[in-house]
All heavy atoms as atom14 arrays in JSON, in Angstrom:
{
  "sequence": "ANPPHLTGVFVVFPASGYGGGFAYEGGAFLQGLMEAWTSGLALNTLER",
  "atom14_mask": [
    [1, 1, 1, 1, 1, 0, 0, 0, 0, 0, 0, 0, 0, 0],
    [1, 1, 1, 1, 1, 1, 1, 1, 0, 0, 0, 0, 0, 0],
    [1, 1, 1, 1, 1, 1, 1, 0, 0, 0, 0, 0, 0, 0],
    [1, 1, 1, 1, 1, 1, 1, 0, 0, 0, 0, 0, 0, 0],
    [1, 1, 1, 1, 1, 1, 1, 1, 1, 1, 0, 0, 0, 0],
    [1, 1, 1, 1, 1, 1, 1, 1, 0, 0, 0, 0, 0, 0],
    [1, 1, 1, 1, 1, 1, 1, 0, 0, 0, 0, 0, 0, 0],
    [1, 1, 1, 1, 0, 0, 0, 0, 0, 0, 0, 0, 0, 0],
    [1, 1, 1, 1, 1, 1, 1, 0, 0, 0, 0, 0, 0, 0],
    [1, 1, 1, 1, 1, 1, 1, 1, 1, 1, 1, 0, 0, 0],
    [1, 1, 1, 1, 1, 1, 1, 0, 0, 0, 0, 0, 0, 0],
    [1, 1, 1, 1, 1, 1, 1, 0, 0, 0, 0, 0, 0, 0],
    [1, 1, 1, 1, 1, 1, 1, 1, 1, 1, 1, 0, 0, 0],
    [1, 1, 1, 1, 1, 1, 1, 0, 0, 0, 0, 0, 0, 0],
    [1, 1, 1, 1, 1, 0, 0, 0, 0, 0, 0, 0, 0, 0],
    [1, 1, 1, 1, 1, 1, 0, 0, 0, 0, 0, 0, 0, 0],
    [1, 1, 1, 1, 0, 0, 0, 0, 0, 0, 0, 0, 0, 0],
    [1, 1, 1, 1, 1, 1, 1, 1, 1, 1, 1, 1, 0, 0],
    [1, 1, 1, 1, 0, 0, 0, 0, 0, 0, 0, 0, 0, 0],
    [1, 1, 1, 1, 0, 0, 0, 0, 0, 0, 0, 0, 0, 0],
    [1, 1, 1, 1, 0, 0, 0, 0, 0, 0, 0, 0, 0, 0],
    [1, 1, 1, 1, 1, 1, 1, 1, 1, 1, 1, 0, 0, 0],
    [1, 1, 1, 1, 1, 0, 0, 0, 0, 0, 0, 0, 0, 0],
    [1, 1, 1, 1, 1, 1, 1, 1, 1, 1, 1, 1, 0, 0],
    [1, 1, 1, 1, 1, 1, 1, 1, 1, 0, 0, 0, 0, 0],
    [1, 1, 1, 1, 0, 0, 0, 0, 0, 0, 0, 0, 0, 0],
    [1, 1, 1, 1, 0, 0, 0, 0, 0, 0, 0, 0, 0, 0],
    [1, 1, 1, 1, 1, 0, 0, 0, 0, 0, 0, 0, 0, 0],
    [1, 1, 1, 1, 1, 1, 1, 1, 1, 1, 1, 0, 0, 0],
    [1, 1, 1, 1, 1, 1, 1, 1, 0, 0, 0, 0, 0, 0],
    [1, 1, 1, 1, 1, 1, 1, 1, 1, 0, 0, 0, 0, 0],
    [1, 1, 1, 1, 0, 0, 0, 0, 0, 0, 0, 0, 0, 0],
    [1, 1, 1, 1, 1, 1, 1, 1, 0, 0, 0, 0, 0, 0],
    [1, 1, 1, 1, 1, 1, 1, 1, 0, 0, 0, 0, 0, 0],
    [1, 1, 1, 1, 1, 1, 1, 1, 1, 0, 0, 0, 0, 0],
    [1, 1, 1, 1, 1, 0, 0, 0, 0, 0, 0, 0, 0, 0],
    [1, 1, 1, 1, 1, 1, 1, 1, 1, 1, 1, 1, 1, 1],
    [1, 1, 1, 1, 1, 1, 1, 0, 0, 0, 0, 0, 0, 0],
    [1, 1, 1, 1, 1, 1, 0, 0, 0, 0, 0, 0, 0, 0],
    [1, 1, 1, 1, 0, 0, 0, 0, 0, 0, 0, 0, 0, 0],
    [1, 1, 1, 1, 1, 1, 1, 1, 0, 0, 0, 0, 0, 0],
    [1, 1, 1, 1, 1, 0, 0, 0, 0, 0, 0, 0, 0, 0],
    [1, 1, 1, 1, 1, 1, 1, 1, 0, 0, 0, 0, 0, 0],
    [1, 1, 1, 1, 1, 1, 1, 1, 0, 0, 0, 0, 0, 0],
    [1, 1, 1, 1, 1, 1, 1, 0, 0, 0, 0, 0, 0, 0],
    [1, 1, 1, 1, 1, 1, 1, 1, 0, 0, 0, 0, 0, 0],
    [1, 1, 1, 1, 1, 1, 1, 1, 1, 0, 0, 0, 0, 0],
    [1, 1, 1, 1, 1, 1, 1, 1, 1, 1, 1, 0, 0, 0]
  ],
  "atom14_positions": [
    [[-83.0, 122.56, -86.71], [-82.68, 122.22, -85.31], [-81.35, 121.48, -85.22], [-80.8, 121.31, -84.14], [-83.78, 121.38, -84.73], [0.0, 0.0, 0.0], [0.0, 0.0, 0.0], [0.0, 0.0, 0.0], [0.0, 0.0, 0.0], [0.0, 0.0, 0.0], [0.0, 0.0, 0.0], [0.0, 0.0, 0.0], [0.0, 0.0, 0.0], [0.0, 0.0, 0.0]],
    [[-80.82, 121.04, -86.38], [-79.48, 120.47, -86.5], [-79.22, 119.23, -85.66], [-78.26, 119.15, -84.88], [-78.43, 121.55, -86.1], [-77.05, 121.23, -86.64], [-76.87, 120.43, -87.56], [-76.03, 121.84, -86.03], [0.0, 0.0, 0.0], [0.0, 0.0, 0.0], [0.0, 0.0, 0.0], [0.0, 0.0, 0.0], [0.0, 0.0, 0.0], [0.0, 0.0, 0.0]],
    [[-80.07, 118.2, -85.82], [-79.78, 116.91, -85.14], [-78.49, 116.32, -85.7], [-78.31, 116.28, -86.92], [-81.02, 116.07, -85.46], [-81.62, 116.68, -86.68], [-81.3, 118.13, -86.63], [0.0, 0.0, 0.0], [0.0, 0.0, 0.0], [0.0, 0.0, 0.0], [0.0, 0.0, 0.0], [0.0, 0.0, 0.0], [0.0, 0.0, 0.0], [0.0, 0.0, 0.0]],
    [[-77.63, 115.8, -84.86], [-76.31, 115.32, -85.31], [-76.36, 114.2, -86.35], [-75.47, 114.11, -87.2], [-75.67, 114.81, -84.02], [-76.35, 115.57, -82.93], [-77.74, 115.78, -83.39], [0.0, 0.0, 0.0], [0.0, 0.0, 0.0], [0.0, 0.0, 0.0], [0.0, 0.0, 0.0], [0.0, 0.0, 0.0], [0.0, 0.0, 0.0], [0.0, 0.0, 0.0]],
    [[-77.39, 113.35, -86.33], [-77.43, 112.21, -87.22], [-78.22, 112.45, -88.53], [-78.36, 111.56, -89.34], [-77.98, 110.98, -86.5], [-77.02, 110.43, -85.51], [-77.02, 110.85, -84.17], [-76.02, 109.51, -85.6], [-76.08, 110.2, -83.51], [-75.46, 109.38, -84.36], [0.0, 0.0, 0.0], [0.0, 0.0, 0.0], [0.0, 0.0, 0.0], [0.0, 0.0, 0.0]],
    [[-78.73, 113.67, -88.7], [-79.43, 113.99, -89.95], [-78.39, 114.27, -91.03], [-77.49, 115.11, -90.85], [-80.35, 115.17, -89.79], [-81.18, 115.56, -91.02], [-82.16, 114.47, -91.35], [-81.94, 116.87, -90.77], [0.0, 0.0, 0.0], [0.0, 0.0, 0.0], [0.0, 0.0, 0.0], [0.0, 0.0, 0.0], [0.0, 0.0, 0.0], [0.0, 0.0, 0.0]],
    [[-78.52, 113.6, -92.18], [-77.53, 113.71, -93.27], [-78.05, 114.55, -94.42], [-77.26, 115.19, -95.13], [-77.13, 112.32, -93.76], [-76.66, 111.56, -92.65], [-76.04, 112.4, -94.84], [0.0, 0.0, 0.0], [0.0, 0.0, 0.0], [0.0, 0.0, 0.0], [0.0, 0.0, 0.0], [0.0, 0.0, 0.0], [0.0, 0.0, 0.0], [0.0, 0.0, 0.0]],
    [[-79.35, 114.57, -94.67], [-79.9, 115.33, -95.78], [-81.4, 115.24, -95.82], [-82.02, 114.47, -95.1], [0.0, 0.0, 0.0], [0.0, 0.0, 0.0], [0.0, 0.0, 0.0], [0.0, 0.0, 0.0], [0.0, 0.0, 0.0], [0.0, 0.0, 0.0], [0.0, 0.0, 0.0], [0.0, 0.0, 0.0], [0.0, 0.0, 0.0], [0.0, 0.0, 0.0]],
    [[-82.0, 116.1, -96.69], [-83.45, 116.25, -96.76], [-83.86, 116.3, -98.24], [-83.14, 116.86, -99.07], [-83.89, 117.53, -96.05], [-85.36, 117.84, -96.33], [-83.67, 117.42, -94.53], [0.0, 0.0, 0.0], [0.0, 0.0, 0.0], [0.0, 0.0, 0.0], [0.0, 0.0, 0.0], [0.0, 0.0, 0.0], [0.0, 0.0, 0.0], [0.0, 0.0, 0.0]],
    [[-85.02, 115.68, -98.54], [-85.62, 115.82, -99.88], [-87.08, 116.19, -99.68], [-87.84, 115.46, -99.07], [-85.54, 114.48, -100.64], [-85.91, 114.58, -102.1], [-84.95, 114.63, -103.1], [-87.27, 114.62, -102.46], [-85.29, 114.72, -104.43], [-87.62, 114.74, -103.8], [-86.63, 114.78, -104.78], [0.0, 0.0, 0.0], [0.0, 0.0, 0.0], [0.0, 0.0, 0.0]],
    [[-87.48, 117.38, -100.19], [-88.85, 117.84, -99.97], [-89.45, 118.3, -101.29], [-88.78, 118.91, -102.15], [-88.9, 118.97, -98.94], [-88.6, 118.43, -97.55], [-87.94, 120.1, -99.28], [0.0, 0.0, 0.0], [0.0, 0.0, 0.0], [0.0, 0.0, 0.0], [0.0, 0.0, 0.0], [0.0, 0.0, 0.0], [0.0, 0.0, 0.0], [0.0, 0.0, 0.0]],
    [[-90.73, 118.01, -101.47], [-91.47, 118.39, -102.67], [-92.61, 119.34, -102.26], [-93.38, 119.05, -101.36], [-92.08, 117.12, -103.34], [-92.78, 117.52, -104.64], [-90.99, 116.1, -103.6], [0.0, 0.0, 0.0], [0.0, 0.0, 0.0], [0.0, 0.0, 0.0], [0.0, 0.0, 0.0], [0.0, 0.0, 0.0], [0.0, 0.0, 0.0], [0.0, 0.0, 0.0]],
    [[-92.68, 120.48, -102.95], [-93.69, 121.5, -102.64], [-93.76, 121.77, -101.14], [-94.84, 121.73, -100.54], [-95.08, 121.07, -103.14], [-95.15, 120.66, -104.59], [-96.01, 119.66, -104.99], [-94.37, 121.29, -105.53], [-96.1, 119.29, -106.33], [-94.44, 120.92, -106.88], [-95.32, 119.91, -107.26], [0.0, 0.0, 0.0], [0.0, 0.0, 0.0], [0.0, 0.0, 0.0]],
    [[-92.63, 122.06, -100.53], [-92.65, 122.21, -99.06], [-93.49, 123.38, -98.62], [-93.42, 124.47, -99.2], [-91.17, 122.41, -98.7], [-90.57, 123.01, -99.94], [-91.29, 122.32, -101.07], [0.0, 0.0, 0.0], [0.0, 0.0, 0.0], [0.0, 0.0, 0.0], [0.0, 0.0, 0.0], [0.0, 0.0, 0.0], [0.0, 0.0, 0.0], [0.0, 0.0, 0.0]],
    [[-94.33, 123.17, -97.62], [-95.07, 124.28, -97.02], [-94.04, 125.2, -96.43], [-93.32, 124.86, -95.49], [-96.02, 123.76, -95.93], [0.0, 0.0, 0.0], [0.0, 0.0, 0.0], [0.0, 0.0, 0.0], [0.0, 0.0, 0.0], [0.0, 0.0, 0.0], [0.0, 0.0, 0.0], [0.0, 0.0, 0.0], [0.0, 0.0, 0.0], [0.0, 0.0, 0.0]],
    [[-93.93, 126.41, -96.92], [-92.8, 127.28, -96.56], [-93.26, 128.72, -96.55], [-94.37, 129.06, -96.95], [-91.68, 127.1, -97.61], [-92.13, 127.33, -98.91], [0.0, 0.0, 0.0], [0.0, 0.0, 0.0], [0.0, 0.0, 0.0], [0.0, 0.0, 0.0], [0.0, 0.0, 0.0], [0.0, 0.0, 0.0], [0.0, 0.0, 0.0], [0.0, 0.0, 0.0]],
    [[-92.37, 129.56, -96.06], [-92.71, 130.95, -95.96], [-93.44, 131.29, -94.7], [-93.22, 132.31, -94.08], [0.0, 0.0, 0.0], [0.0, 0.0, 0.0], [0.0, 0.0, 0.0], [0.0, 0.0, 0.0], [0.0, 0.0, 0.0], [0.0, 0.0, 0.0], [0.0, 0.0, 0.0], [0.0, 0.0, 0.0], [0.0, 0.0, 0.0], [0.0, 0.0, 0.0]],
    [[-94.35, 130.4, -94.28], [-95.1, 130.55, -93.04], [-95.78, 131.9, -92.97], [-96.84, 132.07, -93.56], [-94.22, 130.23, -91.82], [-93.47, 128.94, -92.0], [-92.11, 128.81, -91.72], [-94.13, 127.83, -92.52], [-91.43, 127.63, -91.94], [-93.45, 126.63, -92.73], [-92.12, 126.54, -92.45], [-91.45, 125.39, -92.66], [0.0, 0.0, 0.0], [0.0, 0.0, 0.0]],
    [[-95.22, 132.87, -92.3], [-95.91, 134.18, -92.24], [-96.19, 134.78, -93.58], [-97.23, 135.43, -93.79], [0.0, 0.0, 0.0], [0.0, 0.0, 0.0], [0.0, 0.0, 0.0], [0.0, 0.0, 0.0], [0.0, 0.0, 0.0], [0.0, 0.0, 0.0], [0.0, 0.0, 0.0], [0.0, 0.0, 0.0], [0.0, 0.0, 0.0], [0.0, 0.0, 0.0]],
    [[-95.32, 134.62, -94.56], [-95.52, 135.12, -95.88], [-95.49, 134.0, -96.89], [-94.48, 133.36, -97.07], [0.0, 0.0, 0.0], [0.0, 0.0, 0.0], [0.0, 0.0, 0.0], [0.0, 0.0, 0.0], [0.0, 0.0, 0.0], [0.0, 0.0, 0.0], [0.0, 0.0, 0.0], [0.0, 0.0, 0.0], [0.0, 0.0, 0.0], [0.0, 0.0, 0.0]],
    [[-96.62, 133.71, -97.52], [-96.69, 132.62, -98.49], [-97.32, 131.36, -97.88], [-97.48, 130.38, -98.59], [0.0, 0.0, 0.0], [0.0, 0.0, 0.0], [0.0, 0.0, 0.0], [0.0, 0.0, 0.0], [0.0, 0.0, 0.0], [0.0, 0.0, 0.0], [0.0, 0.0, 0.0], [0.0, 0.0, 0.0], [0.0, 0.0, 0.0], [0.0, 0.0, 0.0]],
    [[-97.66, 131.39, -96.63], [-98.31, 130.25, -95.98], [-99.69, 130.69, -95.47], [-100.7, 130.34, -96.05], [-97.45, 129.73, -94.84], [-98.07, 128.62, -94.04], [-98.19, 127.37, -94.61], [-98.49, 128.82, -92.75], [-98.76, 126.32, -93.87], [-99.05, 127.81, -92.01], [-99.2, 126.53, -92.57], [0.0, 0.0, 0.0], [0.0, 0.0, 0.0], [0.0, 0.0, 0.0]],
    [[-99.73, 131.46, -94.44], [-101.02, 131.97, -93.93], [-101.36, 133.33, -94.57], [-102.52, 133.66, -94.72], [-100.99, 132.13, -92.42], [0.0, 0.0, 0.0], [0.0, 0.0, 0.0], [0.0, 0.0, 0.0], [0.0, 0.0, 0.0], [0.0, 0.0, 0.0], [0.0, 0.0, 0.0], [0.0, 0.0, 0.0], [0.0, 0.0, 0.0], [0.0, 0.0, 0.0]],
    [[-100.32, 134.08, -94.96], [-100.55, 135.39, -95.56], [-99.74, 135.49, -96.86], [-98.69, 134.89, -97.0], [-100.07, 136.51, -94.6], [-100.98, 136.7, -93.42], [-100.8, 135.93, -92.26], [-102.0, 137.63, -93.44], [-101.62, 136.1, -91.18], [-102.84, 137.81, -92.34], [-102.65, 137.04, -91.21], [-103.48, 137.2, -90.13], [0.0, 0.0, 0.0], [0.0, 0.0, 0.0]],
    [[-100.25, 136.28, -97.76], [-99.56, 136.58, -99.02], [-99.74, 138.04, -99.31], [-100.87, 138.52, -99.5], [-100.12, 135.73, -100.17], [-99.35, 135.88, -101.49], [-97.93, 135.33, -101.38], [-97.79, 134.11, -101.23], [-96.98, 136.14, -101.44], [0.0, 0.0, 0.0], [0.0, 0.0, 0.0], [0.0, 0.0, 0.0], [0.0, 0.0, 0.0], [0.0, 0.0, 0.0]],
    [[-98.64, 138.78, -99.33], [-98.72, 140.21, -99.57], [-99.58, 140.95, -98.56], [-100.21, 141.98, -98.84], [0.0, 0.0, 0.0], [0.0, 0.0, 0.0], [0.0, 0.0, 0.0], [0.0, 0.0, 0.0], [0.0, 0.0, 0.0], [0.0, 0.0, 0.0], [0.0, 0.0, 0.0], [0.0, 0.0, 0.0], [0.0, 0.0, 0.0], [0.0, 0.0, 0.0]],
    [[-99.63, 140.44, -97.32], [-100.4, 141.04, -96.27], [-101.85, 140.56, -96.2], [-102.55, 140.88, -95.23], [0.0, 0.0, 0.0], [0.0, 0.0, 0.0], [0.0, 0.0, 0.0], [0.0, 0.0, 0.0], [0.0, 0.0, 0.0], [0.0, 0.0, 0.0], [0.0, 0.0, 0.0], [0.0, 0.0, 0.0], [0.0, 0.0, 0.0], [0.0, 0.0, 0.0]],
    [[-102.31, 139.81, -97.17], [-103.67, 139.31, -97.18], [-103.73, 137.91, -96.61], [-102.92, 137.06, -96.97], [-104.23, 139.31, -98.61], [0.0, 0.0, 0.0], [0.0, 0.0, 0.0], [0.0, 0.0, 0.0], [0.0, 0.0, 0.0], [0.0, 0.0, 0.0], [0.0, 0.0, 0.0], [0.0, 0.0, 0.0], [0.0, 0.0, 0.0], [0.0, 0.0, 0.0]],
    [[-104.69, 137.66, -95.72], [-104.85, 136.34, -95.13], [-105.41, 135.38, -96.2], [-106.38, 135.7, -96.87], [-105.82, 136.41, -93.96], [-105.98, 135.11, -93.21], [-104.92, 134.55, -92.53], [-107.2, 134.44, -93.22], [-105.07, 133.37, -91.83], [-107.37, 133.27, -92.53], [-106.3, 132.71, -91.84], [0.0, 0.0, 0.0], [0.0, 0.0, 0.0], [0.0, 0.0, 0.0]],
    [[-104.76, 134.25, -96.35], [-105.18, 133.26, -97.34], [-106.36, 132.47, -96.77], [-106.23, 131.31, -96.36], [-104.03, 132.34, -97.72], [-102.81, 133.07, -98.32], [-101.69, 132.08, -98.59], [-103.21, 133.78, -99.6], [0.0, 0.0, 0.0], [0.0, 0.0, 0.0], [0.0, 0.0, 0.0], [0.0, 0.0, 0.0], [0.0, 0.0, 0.0], [0.0, 0.0, 0.0]],
    [[-107.5, 133.1, -96.8], [-108.67, 132.58, -96.1], [-109.11, 131.2, -96.57], [-109.31, 130.28, -95.77], [-109.85, 133.56, -96.25], [-111.11, 133.11, -95.5], [-112.25, 134.11, -95.63], [-112.05, 135.21, -96.16], [-113.43, 133.75, -95.14], [0.0, 0.0, 0.0], [0.0, 0.0, 0.0], [0.0, 0.0, 0.0], [0.0, 0.0, 0.0], [0.0, 0.0, 0.0]],
    [[-109.24, 131.01, -97.88], [-109.72, 129.76, -98.41], [-108.78, 128.61, -98.04], [-109.23, 127.54, -97.57], [0.0, 0.0, 0.0], [0.0, 0.0, 0.0], [0.0, 0.0, 0.0], [0.0, 0.0, 0.0], [0.0, 0.0, 0.0], [0.0, 0.0, 0.0], [0.0, 0.0, 0.0], [0.0, 0.0, 0.0], [0.0, 0.0, 0.0], [0.0, 0.0, 0.0]],
    [[-107.48, 128.82, -98.21], [-106.51, 127.77, -97.92], [-106.48, 127.46, -96.42], [-106.55, 126.29, -96.01], [-105.11, 128.23, -98.37], [-103.94, 127.34, -97.96], [-104.07, 125.95, -98.59], [-102.61, 127.98, -98.32], [0.0, 0.0, 0.0], [0.0, 0.0, 0.0], [0.0, 0.0, 0.0], [0.0, 0.0, 0.0], [0.0, 0.0, 0.0], [0.0, 0.0, 0.0]],
    [[-106.41, 128.48, -95.6], [-106.26, 128.25, -94.17], [-107.53, 127.65, -93.57], [-107.46, 126.81, -92.66], [-105.93, 129.58, -93.47], [-104.53, 130.08, -93.8], [-103.18, 128.94, -93.22], [-102.77, 128.09, -94.74], [0.0, 0.0, 0.0], [0.0, 0.0, 0.0], [0.0, 0.0, 0.0], [0.0, 0.0, 0.0], [0.0, 0.0, 0.0], [0.0, 0.0, 0.0]],
    [[-108.71, 128.1, -94.03], [-109.96, 127.54, -93.49], [-110.12, 126.08, -93.9], [-110.51, 125.25, -93.08], [-111.14, 128.36, -93.95], [-111.24, 129.74, -93.25], [-112.47, 130.5, -93.66], [-113.22, 130.02, -94.54], [-112.71, 131.59, -93.09], [0.0, 0.0, 0.0], [0.0, 0.0, 0.0], [0.0, 0.0, 0.0], [0.0, 0.0, 0.0], [0.0, 0.0, 0.0]],
    [[-109.8, 125.78, -95.16], [-109.96, 124.4, -95.62], [-108.98, 123.48, -94.91], [-109.35, 122.38, -94.48], [-109.72, 124.31, -97.14], [0.0, 0.0, 0.0], [0.0, 0.0, 0.0], [0.0, 0.0, 0.0], [0.0, 0.0, 0.0], [0.0, 0.0, 0.0], [0.0, 0.0, 0.0], [0.0, 0.0, 0.0], [0.0, 0.0, 0.0], [0.0, 0.0, 0.0]],
    [[-107.75, 123.91, -94.76], [-106.74, 123.1, -94.11], [-107.09, 122.88, -92.62], [-107.03, 121.78, -92.1], [-105.37, 123.75, -94.25], [-104.22, 122.86, -93.91], [-103.94, 121.62, -94.41], [-103.17, 123.15, -92.96], [-102.78, 121.1, -93.86], [-102.28, 122.01, -92.98], [-102.88, 124.22, -92.12], [-101.14, 121.96, -92.16], [-101.74, 124.16, -91.34], [-100.87, 123.03, -91.36]],
    [[-107.48, 123.97, -91.95], [-107.81, 123.88, -90.53], [-109.01, 122.96, -90.28], [-109.0, 122.14, -89.37], [-108.11, 125.28, -89.97], [-106.95, 126.11, -90.12], [-108.48, 125.22, -88.47], [0.0, 0.0, 0.0], [0.0, 0.0, 0.0], [0.0, 0.0, 0.0], [0.0, 0.0, 0.0], [0.0, 0.0, 0.0], [0.0, 0.0, 0.0], [0.0, 0.0, 0.0]],
    [[-110.03, 123.11, -91.1], [-111.24, 122.27, -90.94], [-110.91, 120.8, -91.12], [-111.42, 119.93, -90.41], [-112.33, 122.72, -91.89], [-112.77, 124.03, -91.59], [0.0, 0.0, 0.0], [0.0, 0.0, 0.0], [0.0, 0.0, 0.0], [0.0, 0.0, 0.0], [0.0, 0.0, 0.0], [0.0, 0.0, 0.0], [0.0, 0.0, 0.0], [0.0, 0.0, 0.0]],
    [[-110.06, 120.5, -92.12], [-109.66, 119.12, -92.33], [-108.89, 118.55, -91.16], [-109.11, 117.43, -90.71], [0.0, 0.0, 0.0], [0.0, 0.0, 0.0], [0.0, 0.0, 0.0], [0.0, 0.0, 0.0], [0.0, 0.0, 0.0], [0.0, 0.0, 0.0], [0.0, 0.0, 0.0], [0.0, 0.0, 0.0], [0.0, 0.0, 0.0], [0.0, 0.0, 0.0]],
    [[-107.95, 119.35, -90.61], [-107.16, 118.89, -89.47], [-108.0, 118.73, -88.22], [-107.77, 117.85, -87.38], [-106.04, 119.92, -89.18], [-104.94, 120.03, -90.23], [-104.09, 121.26, -89.96], [-104.07, 118.79, -90.25], [0.0, 0.0, 0.0], [0.0, 0.0, 0.0], [0.0, 0.0, 0.0], [0.0, 0.0, 0.0], [0.0, 0.0, 0.0], [0.0, 0.0, 0.0]],
    [[-109.03, 119.6, -88.09], [-109.83, 119.59, -86.87], [-110.66, 118.33, -86.7], [-111.09, 117.98, -85.58], [-110.76, 120.81, -86.85], [0.0, 0.0, 0.0], [0.0, 0.0, 0.0], [0.0, 0.0, 0.0], [0.0, 0.0, 0.0], [0.0, 0.0, 0.0], [0.0, 0.0, 0.0], [0.0, 0.0, 0.0], [0.0, 0.0, 0.0], [0.0, 0.0, 0.0]],
    [[-110.89, 117.56, -87.77], [-111.69, 116.34, -87.68], [-111.02, 115.35, -86.71], [-111.67, 114.76, -85.87], [-111.88, 115.71, -89.04], [-112.77, 116.5, -90.0], [-112.78, 115.83, -91.38], [-114.18, 116.63, -89.48], [0.0, 0.0, 0.0], [0.0, 0.0, 0.0], [0.0, 0.0, 0.0], [0.0, 0.0, 0.0], [0.0, 0.0, 0.0], [0.0, 0.0, 0.0]],
    [[-109.71, 115.14, -86.87], [-109.01, 114.22, -85.98], [-108.94, 114.77, -84.56], [-109.09, 114.05, -83.58], [-107.62, 113.93, -86.49], [-106.81, 113.01, -85.58], [-105.82, 113.4, -85.0], [-107.26, 111.75, -85.43], [0.0, 0.0, 0.0], [0.0, 0.0, 0.0], [0.0, 0.0, 0.0], [0.0, 0.0, 0.0], [0.0, 0.0, 0.0], [0.0, 0.0, 0.0]],
    [[-108.76, 116.11, -84.45], [-108.73, 116.73, -83.12], [-110.1, 116.55, -82.43], [-110.15, 116.28, -81.22], [-108.4, 118.22, -83.24], [-107.17, 118.38, -83.97], [-108.25, 118.85, -81.88], [0.0, 0.0, 0.0], [0.0, 0.0, 0.0], [0.0, 0.0, 0.0], [0.0, 0.0, 0.0], [0.0, 0.0, 0.0], [0.0, 0.0, 0.0], [0.0, 0.0, 0.0]],
    [[-111.17, 116.7, -83.18], [-112.51, 116.5, -82.63], [-112.68, 115.09, -82.13], [-113.18, 114.84, -81.0], [-113.55, 116.81, -83.71], [-115.0, 116.5, -83.37], [-115.46, 117.32, -82.14], [-115.91, 116.77, -84.54], [0.0, 0.0, 0.0], [0.0, 0.0, 0.0], [0.0, 0.0, 0.0], [0.0, 0.0, 0.0], [0.0, 0.0, 0.0], [0.0, 0.0, 0.0]],
    [[-112.27, 114.11, -82.89], [-112.4, 112.72, -82.51], [-111.59, 112.43, -81.25], [-112.1, 111.78, -80.31], [-111.94, 111.81, -83.64], [-112.06, 110.32, -83.31], [-111.57, 109.45, -84.45], [-111.14, 110.0, -85.48], [-111.61, 108.21, -84.3], [0.0, 0.0, 0.0], [0.0, 0.0, 0.0], [0.0, 0.0, 0.0], [0.0, 0.0, 0.0], [0.0, 0.0, 0.0]],
    [[-110.34, 112.91, -81.2], [-109.5, 112.68, -80.03], [-110.09, 113.36, -78.78], [-110.05, 112.79, -77.68], [-108.1, 113.22, -80.3], [-107.33, 112.49, -81.39], [-106.14, 113.29, -81.86], [-105.18, 113.49, -80.81], [-104.1, 112.72, -80.62], [-103.86, 111.7, -81.43], [-103.24, 112.98, -79.66], [0.0, 0.0, 0.0], [0.0, 0.0, 0.0], [0.0, 0.0, 0.0]]
  ]
}
């Protein structure tokens, strides 16, 4: 997004790829990863 005051970034194991390598890999939905991650995130959403 190029904010003017950002000078640099340091990231470890960044969640990347998104459509490929995040939710899907080689066209296959990464079911175990996405279900586990979503269920964990939903706990706070449920509480809110």
